[in-house]
Amino acid sequence: MTGRIPGAGGAPAPDRTHATGRRARSRTARLLAAAGVGALAIGALAGCGQSAVGRDAGTFELTAHTPQPAGDIDSFTWALATEPYSLDPAYAFDYADNTVLSNMCESLLRWNSDLSQSPGLATAVDHPDPLSWVYTIREGVRFHDGTPMTPNDVVVSLSRHLDPEVASFWYDSFKNVDTIEQTGEHEVTVRTVVPDSQFNQLMSAAPGVIQSAQSTEQAGADYGNQSTGVNCSGPFSFGEWRAGESITLERFDDYWDPDLRAKAEQMTFVVLNDPNARVNALQTGEIDGAWTIPSNAIDVLRASDTGSVYFGTNATVQSLIVSDMEGPLGDARVRQALTMSIDREALVRAAVQGYGSPSDALTSESVWINGDPDAVREAFDDLPDHDYDLEAARELVREAGAEGAKITYVTASLDSSFDVISQAVASAGREIGLDIEIETRTPNAYTLLFSDPTAIEGVDLFATTWYLSSTDPLEMYAVIRTGEFSNYGQWSNPEFDDVVNRALQTDDAGERSFLSAEAQRIASEELPWIPLIDLPTTLWMGDRITGVDPSISYMYYPWAATIGRAER
């Protein structure tokens, strides 16, 4: 999510209470909810690869496409690790929500599998001045109930995010919006109070989803739940939602884009919270596919002859969030020391079985594709050195007078990597003189860390798997500015704020990328969050189906439409 621009004239003040309750869900969105198959002990750091199945275990290459399907298919099934909270785009902020919704509801723009943008429900977008975004609305589009999409549907859909009664999780993306109006027969114009380089980029994600204004109004607060579903324009329509069990989608035969006509007549998402059950269902062919494979099941599935594991482009980094700048970690030297005490190469092998890479930045290079190449090199080559060095780390702790300092690290068994990381961090802390105490909470209590400021009280550190919804590193750095809701530790650096604010108001992507590189350098030096692992997207498909592109774009692109019958 983009954030507001503090101090920029006319923008609303930061609002940590807006959408309370609803917003609680938004903080959980960045958690990879795919639970692992049991915890690994810290001793696994010394036993890397022992669980490997096959000589290629722990190695991978990114794949752009899977084999083309041989033809259409009647139906297929897909595993979900958690049940969506809602299918209303205003609350689609989590993995499960968007994995389902992306096949039914479309945005003004598309986020393609190579993370480029292209026309969607808008055939063109103009930016005639720094404050205006003019969208040409596609003609001939029909909603699932057969009614035509109009510019009024666009105005109503976008305006919902500003309605306090709706309490959209995506409110931050609209904080700079002044007006949303129909300005032509097939034209809608959005005006902002200050230049906002991020607004249009998020029109390919949930904030840009267009739905029937009439259906939205009629359903009211029930829109997107089990009884009403959604009325959008995507290649699949809502069929049935059996609470706690499954969601079924039906092919929409009047879909406007022949290139993305669904190859399956029906698809069903099956909710399988238990990771063992989920992996077993994939292995046996009971379920045809899944995203976000538990990392400690990847080797097993790769060795299986019932399907294939693919790795694709991602925009996700697993990190530690420093949540108390008044405690021992408030001293940058202690944060740097803790970072240097973690052997991230070993951590990658133990926590995600080698299916990732150590990261020194809070963004992956995949989200810098629109930047100047020199800026991208600067962003990653000129980062501060926090390499594994226990002696240097101990010296920093001594300099900071933090020897013996108690640090509370909160975790939950959301994923096997969370268990490994928590134990690795505690062990590393002990090595350099810190007293890190692990507190394990239930998954539900853990997710409150991202929404309820009272849940963070007394907590110094916790982990997150944070994905971006656009191809711009500023989406990450905007949320750790002074006063931002997701700046959980309330870290404040005026130089960083100034750089990010200037970047947010810079339209030129090349110029903006140099400012983003500067922001990344400061964040990596100060470490308000401690980057750990850069993760690929993982995909399993059984041998019945094929045709989807492995990419994080599945959160917003109608990925299931391309899946058909595999040639056997």
Protein backbone atom coordinates (compact mmCIF):
# COMPACT_ATOMS: atom_id res chain seq x y z
CA MET A 1 0.00 0.00 0.00
CA THR A 2 1.17 3.48 -0.64
CA GLY A 3 1.08 5.92 2.18
CA ARG A 4 0.27 9.60 2.38
CA ILE A 5 2.90 12.25 1.96
CA PRO A 6 3.43 13.94 5.34
CA GLY A 7 3.63 17.67 5.21
CA ALA A 8 2.39 17.87 1.66
CA GLY A 9 -0.30 20.50 1.45
CA GLY A 10 -3.86 19.34 1.70
CA ALA A 11 -3.21 15.71 2.43
CA PRO A 12 -5.12 14.23 5.33
CA ALA A 13 -3.32 13.57 8.56
CA PRO A 14 -2.03 10.10 9.39
CA ASP A 15 -4.90 8.05 10.73
CA ARG A 16 -3.93 5.07 12.85
CA THR A 17 -7.52 4.47 13.83
CA HIS A 18 -9.19 4.63 10.44
CA ALA A 19 -10.92 1.41 9.63
CA THR A 20 -10.18 -0.09 12.99
CA GLY A 21 -11.33 -3.67 13.04
CA ARG A 22 -11.56 -3.95 9.30
CA ARG A 23 -8.01 -2.78 9.11
CA ALA A 24 -6.94 -5.41 11.54
CA ARG A 25 -7.05 -7.80 8.67
CA SER A 26 -4.84 -5.62 6.55
CA ARG A 27 -1.90 -6.13 8.86
CA THR A 28 -2.13 -9.86 8.50
CA ALA A 29 -1.97 -9.57 4.78
CA ARG A 30 1.76 -9.61 4.69
CA LEU A 31 1.99 -12.84 6.54
CA LEU A 32 2.63 -15.90 4.50
CA ALA A 33 -0.13 -17.99 5.92
CA ALA A 34 1.02 -21.20 4.31
CA ALA A 35 1.95 -23.20 7.36
CA GLY A 36 4.86 -25.60 7.30
CA VAL A 37 5.10 -29.24 8.15
CA GLY A 38 6.48 -29.06 11.65
CA ALA A 39 9.22 -27.07 13.25
CA LEU A 40 12.93 -27.42 12.72
CA ALA A 41 15.38 -26.98 15.53
CA ILE A 42 18.23 -24.54 15.43
CA GLY A 43 20.50 -27.53 15.10
CA ALA A 44 19.28 -27.78 11.54
CA LEU A 45 21.56 -24.88 10.75
CA ALA A 46 24.44 -27.26 11.09
CA GLY A 47 22.70 -30.02 9.20
CA CYS A 48 21.74 -28.22 6.05
CA GLY A 49 20.52 -30.44 3.26
CA GLN A 50 20.04 -33.51 5.42
CA SER A 51 16.38 -33.61 4.49
CA ALA A 52 17.11 -33.19 0.81
CA VAL A 53 15.30 -35.42 -1.63
CA GLY A 54 17.23 -35.71 -4.84
CA ARG A 55 20.41 -34.10 -5.98
CA ASP A 56 18.69 -30.84 -6.92
CA ALA A 57 17.28 -30.22 -3.47
CA GLY A 58 17.71 -26.62 -2.40
CA THR A 59 18.50 -25.41 -5.90
CA PHE A 60 16.04 -23.82 -8.28
CA GLU A 61 15.60 -21.76 -11.42
CA LEU A 62 12.81 -19.33 -12.07
CA THR A 63 10.32 -20.39 -14.74
CA ALA A 64 8.36 -17.85 -16.78
CA HIS A 65 5.75 -20.24 -18.17
CA THR A 66 4.58 -23.79 -17.64
CA PRO A 67 3.77 -26.01 -20.66
CA GLN A 68 0.79 -24.96 -22.73
CA PRO A 69 -2.40 -26.97 -22.14
CA ALA A 70 -3.54 -29.51 -24.69
CA GLY A 71 -7.12 -28.29 -24.44
CA ASP A 72 -10.01 -27.34 -22.20
CA ILE A 73 -10.87 -29.20 -19.03
CA ASP A 74 -14.13 -29.74 -17.19
CA SER A 75 -12.84 -28.70 -13.79
CA PHE A 76 -9.87 -28.67 -11.43
CA THR A 77 -9.23 -28.09 -7.74
CA TRP A 78 -6.83 -25.76 -5.95
CA ALA A 79 -5.65 -25.76 -2.35
CA LEU A 80 -5.95 -22.75 -0.05
CA ALA A 81 -4.02 -22.69 3.20
CA THR A 82 -6.53 -20.32 4.76
CA GLU A 83 -10.08 -19.26 3.99
CA PRO A 84 -10.56 -15.75 2.57
CA TYR A 85 -11.79 -13.18 5.03
CA SER A 86 -13.96 -11.61 2.34
CA LEU A 87 -14.18 -11.43 -1.44
CA ASP A 88 -15.02 -7.74 -1.35
CA PRO A 89 -12.08 -6.02 -3.10
CA ALA A 90 -12.07 -3.39 -0.36
CA TYR A 91 -10.81 -6.07 2.04
CA ALA A 92 -8.78 -8.20 -0.36
CA PHE A 93 -5.44 -7.75 1.29
CA ASP A 94 -4.28 -11.26 2.01
CA TYR A 95 -2.97 -14.23 0.06
CA ALA A 96 -6.15 -16.30 0.11
CA ASP A 97 -8.45 -13.36 -0.63
CA ASN A 98 -6.59 -12.23 -3.71
CA THR A 99 -5.76 -15.73 -4.98
CA VAL A 100 -9.49 -16.31 -5.39
CA LEU A 101 -10.67 -12.80 -6.24
CA SER A 102 -8.15 -12.24 -9.05
CA ASN A 103 -10.05 -14.73 -11.21
CA MET A 104 -13.42 -13.04 -10.81
CA CYS A 105 -12.70 -9.34 -10.48
CA GLU A 106 -10.52 -7.22 -12.72
CA SER A 107 -8.72 -3.94 -12.26
CA LEU A 108 -8.34 -0.93 -14.51
CA LEU A 109 -4.86 -2.21 -15.40
CA ARG A 110 -3.29 -5.67 -15.43
CA TRP A 111 -0.20 -6.78 -13.52
CA ASN A 112 1.29 -9.35 -15.88
CA SER A 113 3.42 -12.32 -14.94
CA ASP A 114 6.62 -10.44 -15.86
CA LEU A 115 5.36 -7.71 -13.47
CA SER A 116 4.76 -5.26 -16.31
CA GLN A 117 1.49 -3.30 -16.53
CA SER A 118 -0.90 -3.37 -19.48
CA PRO A 119 -4.46 -2.21 -20.22
CA GLY A 120 -7.24 -3.94 -18.35
CA LEU A 121 -10.69 -2.45 -17.87
CA ALA A 122 -9.08 0.81 -18.90
CA THR A 123 -7.78 0.80 -22.47
CA ALA A 124 -5.55 3.79 -21.83
CA VAL A 125 -4.36 6.06 -19.05
CA ASP A 126 -3.18 9.62 -19.50
CA HIS A 127 -1.30 11.75 -17.02
CA PRO A 128 -1.76 15.26 -18.47
CA ASP A 129 -0.55 17.04 -15.36
CA PRO A 130 1.06 15.92 -12.08
CA LEU A 131 -2.30 15.80 -10.28
CA SER A 132 -4.49 14.02 -12.87
CA TRP A 133 -4.93 10.41 -13.99
CA VAL A 134 -7.38 10.04 -16.89
CA TYR A 135 -8.67 6.53 -17.63
CA THR A 136 -10.35 5.55 -20.88
CA ILE A 137 -12.91 2.94 -19.90
CA ARG A 138 -13.18 -0.19 -22.04
CA GLU A 139 -16.42 -0.63 -23.98
CA GLY A 140 -18.25 -3.92 -24.41
CA VAL A 141 -17.51 -5.28 -20.94
CA ARG A 142 -20.29 -7.04 -19.07
CA PHE A 143 -20.57 -8.02 -15.44
CA HIS A 144 -21.40 -11.58 -14.50
CA ASP A 145 -25.12 -10.72 -14.19
CA GLY A 146 -25.11 -9.54 -17.82
CA THR A 147 -25.28 -5.80 -17.17
CA PRO A 148 -22.78 -3.57 -19.00
CA MET A 149 -19.89 -1.91 -17.18
CA THR A 150 -20.14 1.89 -17.25
CA PRO A 151 -17.93 4.77 -16.10
CA ASN A 152 -20.29 5.15 -13.14
CA ASP A 153 -19.29 1.65 -11.99
CA VAL A 154 -15.68 2.83 -12.10
CA VAL A 155 -16.41 5.97 -10.11
CA VAL A 156 -18.40 4.05 -7.49
CA SER A 157 -15.83 1.23 -7.21
CA LEU A 158 -12.90 3.59 -6.68
CA SER A 159 -14.83 5.94 -4.41
CA ARG A 160 -15.72 3.14 -2.00
CA HIS A 161 -12.13 3.18 -0.76
CA LEU A 162 -12.70 6.71 0.55
CA ASP A 163 -15.96 5.88 2.31
CA PRO A 164 -15.42 5.64 6.08
CA GLU A 165 -18.47 3.36 6.31
CA VAL A 166 -16.72 0.86 4.02
CA ALA A 167 -13.43 1.15 5.93
CA SER A 168 -11.41 -0.18 3.03
CA PHE A 169 -8.09 -1.85 3.79
CA TRP A 170 -6.75 0.05 0.78
CA TYR A 171 -7.62 3.48 2.12
CA ASP A 172 -3.96 4.50 2.23
CA SER A 173 -3.74 4.17 -1.55
CA PHE A 174 -6.42 6.83 -1.89
CA LYS A 175 -5.25 9.23 0.83
CA ASN A 176 -4.04 11.75 -1.73
CA VAL A 177 -7.18 11.57 -3.88
CA ASP A 178 -9.19 14.77 -4.19
CA THR A 179 -11.89 13.83 -6.72
CA ILE A 180 -13.02 10.83 -8.79
CA GLU A 181 -15.34 11.91 -11.61
CA GLN A 182 -16.71 10.82 -14.97
CA THR A 183 -15.24 13.34 -17.40
CA GLY A 184 -16.35 11.87 -20.73
CA GLU A 185 -18.62 9.27 -22.28
CA HIS A 186 -16.00 6.60 -21.60
CA GLU A 187 -13.63 8.48 -19.34
CA VAL A 188 -12.98 8.76 -15.61
CA THR A 189 -10.52 11.23 -14.09
CA VAL A 190 -8.89 10.93 -10.70
CA ARG A 191 -7.31 14.07 -9.27
CA THR A 192 -4.94 14.07 -6.33
CA VAL A 193 -4.08 16.90 -3.97
CA VAL A 194 -0.37 16.28 -4.41
CA PRO A 195 1.56 14.35 -7.07
CA ASP A 196 1.32 10.66 -6.26
CA SER A 197 3.58 8.40 -8.31
CA GLN A 198 2.15 5.29 -6.70
CA PHE A 199 -1.57 5.75 -7.30
CA ASN A 200 -1.67 4.55 -10.90
CA GLN A 201 0.66 1.64 -10.17
CA LEU A 202 -1.85 0.22 -7.72
CA MET A 203 -4.63 0.39 -10.29
CA SER A 204 -3.47 -3.08 -11.38
CA ALA A 205 -4.04 -4.43 -7.86
CA ALA A 206 -7.08 -4.66 -5.58
CA PRO A 207 -7.49 -0.85 -5.29
CA GLY A 208 -8.20 -0.72 -9.03
CA VAL A 209 -10.87 -3.46 -9.10
CA ILE A 210 -14.13 -2.49 -10.77
CA GLN A 211 -17.42 -4.09 -9.73
CA SER A 212 -21.10 -3.53 -10.39
CA ALA A 213 -22.22 -0.40 -8.57
CA GLN A 214 -25.78 -1.69 -8.42
CA SER A 215 -24.81 -5.06 -6.91
CA THR A 216 -22.50 -3.41 -4.43
CA GLU A 217 -25.22 -1.08 -3.24
CA GLN A 218 -27.85 -3.81 -3.04
CA ALA A 219 -25.65 -6.15 -1.03
CA GLY A 220 -24.39 -3.44 1.30
CA ALA A 221 -22.32 -4.83 4.14
CA ASP A 222 -22.91 -8.37 2.82
CA TYR A 223 -21.08 -7.71 -0.43
CA GLY A 224 -18.35 -10.30 -0.96
CA ASN A 225 -19.46 -12.72 1.73
CA GLN A 226 -20.70 -16.31 1.40
CA SER A 227 -24.29 -15.34 0.57
CA THR A 228 -23.68 -12.70 -2.09
CA GLY A 229 -20.26 -13.31 -3.59
CA VAL A 230 -19.23 -10.61 -6.07
CA ASN A 231 -20.50 -9.30 -9.39
CA CYS A 232 -17.46 -8.38 -11.48
CA SER A 233 -16.26 -8.94 -15.05
CA GLY A 234 -13.49 -11.57 -14.82
CA PRO A 235 -13.23 -14.89 -16.70
CA PHE A 236 -14.81 -16.77 -13.77
CA SER A 237 -17.97 -15.89 -11.87
CA PHE A 238 -18.87 -16.64 -8.27
CA GLY A 239 -20.52 -20.02 -7.80
CA GLU A 240 -20.71 -21.23 -4.23
CA TRP A 241 -18.87 -20.57 -0.98
CA ARG A 242 -19.18 -23.34 1.59
CA ALA A 243 -17.82 -21.80 4.76
CA GLY A 244 -14.68 -23.50 6.01
CA GLU A 245 -14.64 -25.92 3.09
CA SER A 246 -14.54 -24.60 -0.47
CA ILE A 247 -15.26 -21.85 -2.99
CA THR A 248 -16.41 -22.80 -6.48
CA LEU A 249 -16.11 -20.55 -9.54
CA GLU A 250 -17.87 -21.00 -12.89
CA ARG A 251 -16.60 -20.02 -16.34
CA PHE A 252 -18.10 -16.73 -17.52
CA ASP A 253 -18.97 -17.35 -21.16
CA ASP A 254 -19.54 -13.66 -21.98
CA TYR A 255 -16.06 -12.65 -20.91
CA TRP A 256 -14.81 -9.77 -23.05
CA ASP A 257 -11.20 -10.95 -23.66
CA PRO A 258 -10.97 -14.04 -25.91
CA ASP A 259 -7.27 -14.45 -25.02
CA LEU A 260 -8.17 -15.10 -21.40
CA ARG A 261 -11.36 -17.09 -21.82
CA ALA A 262 -11.25 -19.71 -19.05
CA LYS A 263 -10.21 -23.14 -20.28
CA ALA A 264 -11.96 -24.82 -17.36
CA GLU A 265 -15.72 -24.86 -17.01
CA GLN A 266 -15.36 -24.85 -13.25
CA MET A 267 -12.67 -24.57 -10.60
CA THR A 268 -12.90 -25.19 -6.89
CA PHE A 269 -10.71 -23.83 -4.12
CA VAL A 270 -10.48 -26.27 -1.24
CA VAL A 271 -9.57 -24.89 2.19
CA LEU A 272 -6.94 -27.11 3.82
CA ASN A 273 -5.52 -25.42 6.89
CA ASP A 274 -3.44 -28.40 7.94
CA PRO A 275 -0.20 -28.39 5.93
CA ASN A 276 0.24 -32.15 6.17
CA ALA A 277 -3.22 -32.72 4.77
CA ARG A 278 -2.59 -30.15 2.07
CA VAL A 279 0.68 -31.68 0.92
CA ASN A 280 -0.78 -35.19 1.01
CA ALA A 281 -3.73 -34.04 -1.09
CA LEU A 282 -1.34 -32.60 -3.65
CA GLN A 283 0.79 -35.73 -3.76
CA THR A 284 -2.13 -38.08 -4.22
CA GLY A 285 -3.81 -35.93 -6.87
CA GLU A 286 -6.83 -35.26 -4.69
CA ILE A 287 -6.08 -31.57 -5.23
CA ASP A 288 -4.64 -30.43 -8.56
CA GLY A 289 -2.61 -27.40 -7.58
CA ALA A 290 -1.46 -24.83 -5.04
CA TRP A 291 0.60 -21.69 -4.59
CA THR A 292 3.09 -21.10 -1.74
CA ILE A 293 4.24 -24.65 -1.11
CA PRO A 294 5.46 -25.20 2.48
CA SER A 295 9.20 -24.90 2.08
CA ASN A 296 9.95 -28.08 3.97
CA ALA A 297 7.64 -30.02 1.64
CA ILE A 298 9.19 -28.79 -1.60
CA ASP A 299 11.79 -31.54 -1.77
CA VAL A 300 9.15 -34.20 -1.20
CA LEU A 301 6.91 -32.80 -3.91
CA ARG A 302 9.81 -32.38 -6.33
CA ALA A 303 10.58 -36.05 -5.89
CA SER A 304 6.97 -36.99 -6.57
CA ASP A 305 5.88 -38.39 -9.95
CA THR A 306 2.36 -36.99 -9.64
CA GLY A 307 3.12 -33.39 -10.59
CA SER A 308 5.73 -30.64 -10.75
CA VAL A 309 7.00 -27.81 -8.58
CA TYR A 310 7.76 -24.50 -10.29
CA PHE A 311 9.54 -21.40 -9.03
CA GLY A 312 8.62 -17.95 -10.29
CA THR A 313 9.14 -14.24 -9.87
CA ASN A 314 8.23 -12.86 -6.49
CA ALA A 315 8.13 -9.50 -4.73
CA THR A 316 8.52 -10.86 -1.22
CA VAL A 317 11.21 -10.55 1.45
CA GLN A 318 11.13 -12.28 4.81
CA SER A 319 12.31 -9.85 7.49
CA LEU A 320 12.42 -9.05 11.19
CA ILE A 321 10.44 -6.04 12.37
CA VAL A 322 11.93 -4.03 15.22
CA SER A 323 8.82 -2.98 17.12
CA ASP A 324 10.24 -1.02 20.04
CA MET A 325 12.71 1.79 19.45
CA GLU A 326 12.64 2.63 23.18
CA GLY A 327 14.16 -0.74 24.08
CA PRO A 328 17.63 -2.23 23.51
CA LEU A 329 17.06 -2.40 19.75
CA GLY A 330 16.47 1.35 19.67
CA ASP A 331 20.24 1.73 19.37
CA ALA A 332 21.21 1.25 15.73
CA ARG A 333 24.44 -0.41 16.82
CA VAL A 334 22.48 -3.19 18.52
CA ARG A 335 20.31 -3.68 15.44
CA GLN A 336 23.42 -3.84 13.29
CA ALA A 337 25.06 -6.26 15.71
CA LEU A 338 22.05 -8.56 15.69
CA THR A 339 22.02 -8.52 11.90
CA MET A 340 25.71 -9.41 11.77
CA SER A 341 25.23 -12.24 14.23
CA ILE A 342 22.81 -14.10 11.94
CA ASP A 343 24.40 -16.41 9.41
CA ARG A 344 21.85 -15.75 6.70
CA GLU A 345 23.39 -18.24 4.25
CA ALA A 346 22.82 -21.00 6.79
CA LEU A 347 19.45 -19.57 7.72
CA VAL A 348 18.25 -19.86 4.12
CA ARG A 349 19.17 -23.53 4.05
CA ALA A 350 17.56 -24.28 7.40
CA ALA A 351 14.47 -22.07 7.30
CA VAL A 352 13.41 -22.46 3.66
CA GLN A 353 15.46 -25.53 2.68
CA GLY A 354 17.62 -23.43 0.34
CA TYR A 355 14.64 -22.17 -1.66
CA GLY A 356 15.49 -18.49 -1.32
CA SER A 357 18.54 -16.28 -1.03
CA PRO A 358 19.97 -14.07 1.71
CA SER A 359 18.81 -10.49 1.41
CA ASP A 360 20.44 -7.24 2.50
CA ALA A 361 17.47 -5.18 1.35
CA LEU A 362 13.77 -5.00 2.15
CA THR A 363 12.90 -5.24 -1.55
CA SER A 364 13.66 -7.83 -4.18
CA GLU A 365 15.28 -6.73 -7.43
CA SER A 366 12.11 -7.82 -9.24
CA VAL A 367 10.29 -4.66 -8.15
CA TRP A 368 12.99 -2.37 -9.59
CA ILE A 369 12.37 -3.28 -13.24
CA ASN A 370 11.14 0.20 -14.14
CA GLY A 371 14.13 1.97 -12.64
CA ASP A 372 17.37 3.25 -14.12
CA PRO A 373 19.89 0.35 -14.33
CA ASP A 374 22.54 2.48 -12.63
CA ALA A 375 20.15 3.20 -9.78
CA VAL A 376 19.37 -0.48 -9.38
CA ARG A 377 23.06 -1.31 -9.21
CA GLU A 378 23.49 1.43 -6.65
CA ALA A 379 20.52 0.15 -4.68
CA PHE A 380 21.99 -3.31 -4.22
CA ASP A 381 25.75 -2.90 -4.65
CA ASP A 382 26.20 0.03 -2.28
CA LEU A 383 24.38 -1.38 0.71
CA PRO A 384 26.08 -1.31 4.13
CA ASP A 385 28.04 -4.44 5.05
CA HIS A 386 26.20 -6.52 7.67
CA ASP A 387 27.88 -9.81 6.80
CA TYR A 388 28.15 -12.54 9.41
CA ASP A 389 30.84 -11.41 11.88
CA LEU A 390 30.37 -12.39 15.52
CA GLU A 391 33.42 -10.55 16.83
CA ALA A 392 32.41 -7.28 15.22
CA ALA A 393 28.85 -7.80 16.46
CA ARG A 394 30.01 -8.39 20.05
CA GLU A 395 32.06 -5.20 19.90
CA LEU A 396 29.04 -3.20 18.74
CA VAL A 397 26.96 -4.58 21.62
CA ARG A 398 29.70 -3.62 24.07
CA GLU A 399 29.94 -0.12 22.55
CA ALA A 400 26.20 0.30 22.96
CA GLY A 401 26.34 -0.88 26.59
CA ALA A 402 23.74 -3.51 25.75
CA GLU A 403 25.42 -6.63 27.13
CA GLY A 404 22.82 -8.76 28.85
CA ALA A 405 19.95 -6.65 27.52
CA LYS A 406 16.65 -8.53 27.43
CA ILE A 407 14.80 -8.63 24.11
CA THR A 408 11.35 -10.15 23.65
CA TYR A 409 10.89 -11.92 20.32
CA VAL A 410 7.32 -12.96 19.51
CA THR A 411 6.60 -15.72 17.04
CA ALA A 412 3.93 -18.25 16.04
CA SER A 413 3.92 -21.50 14.11
CA LEU A 414 2.53 -19.93 10.95
CA ASP A 415 5.24 -21.48 8.84
CA SER A 416 8.15 -23.78 9.60
CA SER A 417 10.48 -20.93 8.68
CA PHE A 418 9.06 -18.83 11.51
CA ASP A 419 10.11 -21.49 14.02
CA VAL A 420 13.59 -21.82 12.58
CA ILE A 421 14.13 -18.08 12.33
CA SER A 422 13.02 -17.42 15.90
CA GLN A 423 15.39 -20.01 17.29
CA ALA A 424 18.24 -18.87 15.06
CA VAL A 425 17.81 -15.25 16.13
CA ALA A 426 17.68 -16.17 19.82
CA SER A 427 20.81 -18.29 19.45
CA ALA A 428 22.62 -15.57 17.53
CA GLY A 429 21.67 -13.01 20.15
CA ARG A 430 23.12 -15.15 22.93
CA GLU A 431 26.39 -15.39 20.97
CA ILE A 432 26.84 -11.63 21.10
CA GLY A 433 25.65 -10.98 24.63
CA LEU A 434 21.95 -10.30 24.16
CA ASP A 435 19.24 -12.10 26.13
CA ILE A 436 16.56 -12.85 23.54
CA GLU A 437 13.49 -14.51 24.96
CA ILE A 438 11.09 -16.23 22.57
CA GLU A 439 7.38 -15.81 23.26
CA THR A 440 5.11 -18.01 21.16
CA ARG A 441 1.57 -16.84 20.48
CA THR A 442 -1.32 -18.41 18.67
CA PRO A 443 -1.59 -17.53 14.97
CA ASN A 444 -4.59 -15.30 15.61
CA ALA A 445 -2.83 -13.48 18.43
CA TYR A 446 0.27 -13.14 16.29
CA THR A 447 -1.61 -11.45 13.48
CA LEU A 448 -2.79 -8.80 15.92
CA LEU A 449 0.78 -7.53 16.02
CA PHE A 450 0.10 -6.08 12.58
CA SER A 451 -3.13 -4.34 13.53
CA ASP A 452 -3.46 -3.67 17.22
CA PRO A 453 -0.86 -1.31 18.74
CA THR A 454 -1.58 -2.76 22.18
CA ALA A 455 -0.53 -6.21 20.96
CA ILE A 456 2.98 -4.87 20.33
CA GLU A 457 3.43 -3.55 23.85
CA GLY A 458 6.44 -5.24 25.42
CA VAL A 459 7.49 -6.77 22.10
CA ASP A 460 10.90 -5.91 20.65
CA LEU A 461 10.99 -8.09 17.56
CA PHE A 462 8.84 -10.26 15.30
CA ALA A 463 9.02 -11.70 11.78
CA THR A 464 7.07 -10.99 8.63
CA THR A 465 6.87 -12.23 5.05
CA TRP A 466 6.06 -8.99 3.29
CA TYR A 467 5.00 -8.88 -0.36
CA LEU A 468 4.54 -5.83 -2.55
CA SER A 469 1.48 -5.28 -4.73
CA SER A 470 3.24 -3.19 -7.33
CA THR A 471 6.54 -3.02 -9.15
CA ASP A 472 7.98 -0.11 -7.21
CA PRO A 473 10.27 -0.29 -4.16
CA LEU A 474 8.65 2.84 -2.77
CA GLU A 475 5.62 0.77 -1.80
CA MET A 476 7.90 -0.76 0.82
CA TYR A 477 9.77 2.31 1.95
CA ALA A 478 6.67 4.51 2.19
CA VAL A 479 5.33 2.39 5.04
CA ILE A 480 8.32 2.93 7.33
CA ARG A 481 8.23 6.71 7.26
CA THR A 482 7.62 8.60 10.46
CA GLY A 483 4.06 8.13 11.70
CA GLU A 484 3.00 5.43 9.23
CA PHE A 485 0.78 2.72 10.65
CA SER A 486 3.06 -0.10 9.50
CA ASN A 487 6.11 1.58 11.01
CA TYR A 488 5.52 -0.62 14.05
CA GLY A 489 8.60 0.49 15.97
CA GLN A 490 7.90 4.16 15.21
CA TRP A 491 11.38 4.52 13.76
CA SER A 492 12.00 8.07 12.62
CA ASN A 493 14.70 9.43 10.35
CA PRO A 494 14.09 12.90 8.82
CA GLU A 495 16.59 12.29 6.03
CA PHE A 496 14.83 9.05 5.06
CA ASP A 497 11.39 10.71 5.20
CA ASP A 498 12.57 13.55 2.99
CA VAL A 499 14.03 11.20 0.37
CA VAL A 500 10.93 8.99 0.26
CA ASN A 501 8.54 11.95 0.14
CA ARG A 502 10.40 13.47 -2.76
CA ALA A 503 10.42 10.14 -4.55
CA LEU A 504 6.68 9.66 -4.07
CA GLN A 505 6.06 12.96 -5.83
CA THR A 506 8.47 12.22 -8.70
CA ASP A 507 6.83 11.01 -11.89
CA ASP A 508 10.01 10.15 -13.75
CA ALA A 509 10.70 6.47 -13.01
CA GLY A 510 14.43 6.81 -13.57
CA GLU A 511 14.83 9.77 -11.28
CA ARG A 512 12.55 8.11 -8.74
CA SER A 513 14.67 4.97 -8.71
CA PHE A 514 17.79 6.92 -7.66
CA LEU A 515 15.84 8.39 -4.75
CA SER A 516 14.53 4.92 -3.92
CA ALA A 517 18.10 3.62 -3.92
CA GLU A 518 19.01 6.30 -1.41
CA ALA A 519 16.04 5.33 0.75
CA GLN A 520 17.06 1.68 0.58
CA ARG A 521 20.61 2.55 1.61
CA ILE A 522 19.41 4.50 4.66
CA ALA A 523 16.98 1.75 5.68
CA SER A 524 19.68 -0.89 5.31
CA GLU A 525 22.03 1.20 7.40
CA GLU A 526 19.53 1.97 10.13
CA LEU A 527 17.70 -1.39 10.01
CA PRO A 528 14.24 -0.48 11.36
CA TRP A 529 13.42 -3.84 9.78
CA ILE A 530 16.14 -6.47 9.36
CA PRO A 531 16.02 -8.17 5.93
CA LEU A 532 16.66 -11.90 5.91
CA ILE A 533 15.51 -13.92 2.89
CA ASP A 534 14.43 -13.12 -0.67
CA LEU A 535 11.84 -15.73 -1.62
CA PRO A 536 10.64 -17.08 -5.00
CA THR A 537 7.00 -17.78 -5.77
CA THR A 538 6.33 -21.52 -5.53
CA LEU A 539 3.70 -23.43 -7.49
CA TRP A 540 2.59 -27.07 -7.60
CA MET A 541 0.57 -28.51 -10.45
CA GLY A 542 -0.55 -32.12 -10.64
CA ASP A 543 -0.11 -33.95 -13.91
CA ARG A 544 -3.74 -33.40 -14.97
CA ILE A 545 -3.36 -29.65 -15.57
CA THR A 546 -0.92 -27.07 -16.92
CA GLY A 547 -0.73 -23.57 -18.39
CA VAL A 548 -0.28 -21.06 -15.55
CA ASP A 549 2.65 -18.65 -15.23
CA PRO A 550 4.46 -18.94 -11.88
CA SER A 551 4.57 -15.34 -10.65
CA ILE A 552 3.45 -13.22 -7.71
CA SER A 553 1.13 -11.54 -10.23
CA TYR A 554 -1.33 -14.33 -9.44
CA MET A 555 -2.52 -12.09 -6.62
CA TYR A 556 -4.16 -9.79 -9.17
CA TYR A 557 -4.00 -11.49 -12.60
CA PRO A 558 -6.68 -14.03 -13.69
CA TRP A 559 -4.18 -16.86 -13.57
CA ALA A 560 -6.68 -19.75 -13.41
CA ALA A 561 -8.13 -18.82 -16.80
CA THR A 562 -5.05 -20.17 -18.57
CA ILE A 563 -5.09 -23.57 -16.88
CA GLY A 564 -6.29 -26.45 -19.04
CA ARG A 565 -5.83 -30.13 -19.69
CA ALA A 566 -2.26 -31.41 -19.70
CA GLU A 567 -1.16 -33.67 -22.53
CA ARG A 568 -0.72 -37.18 -21.17
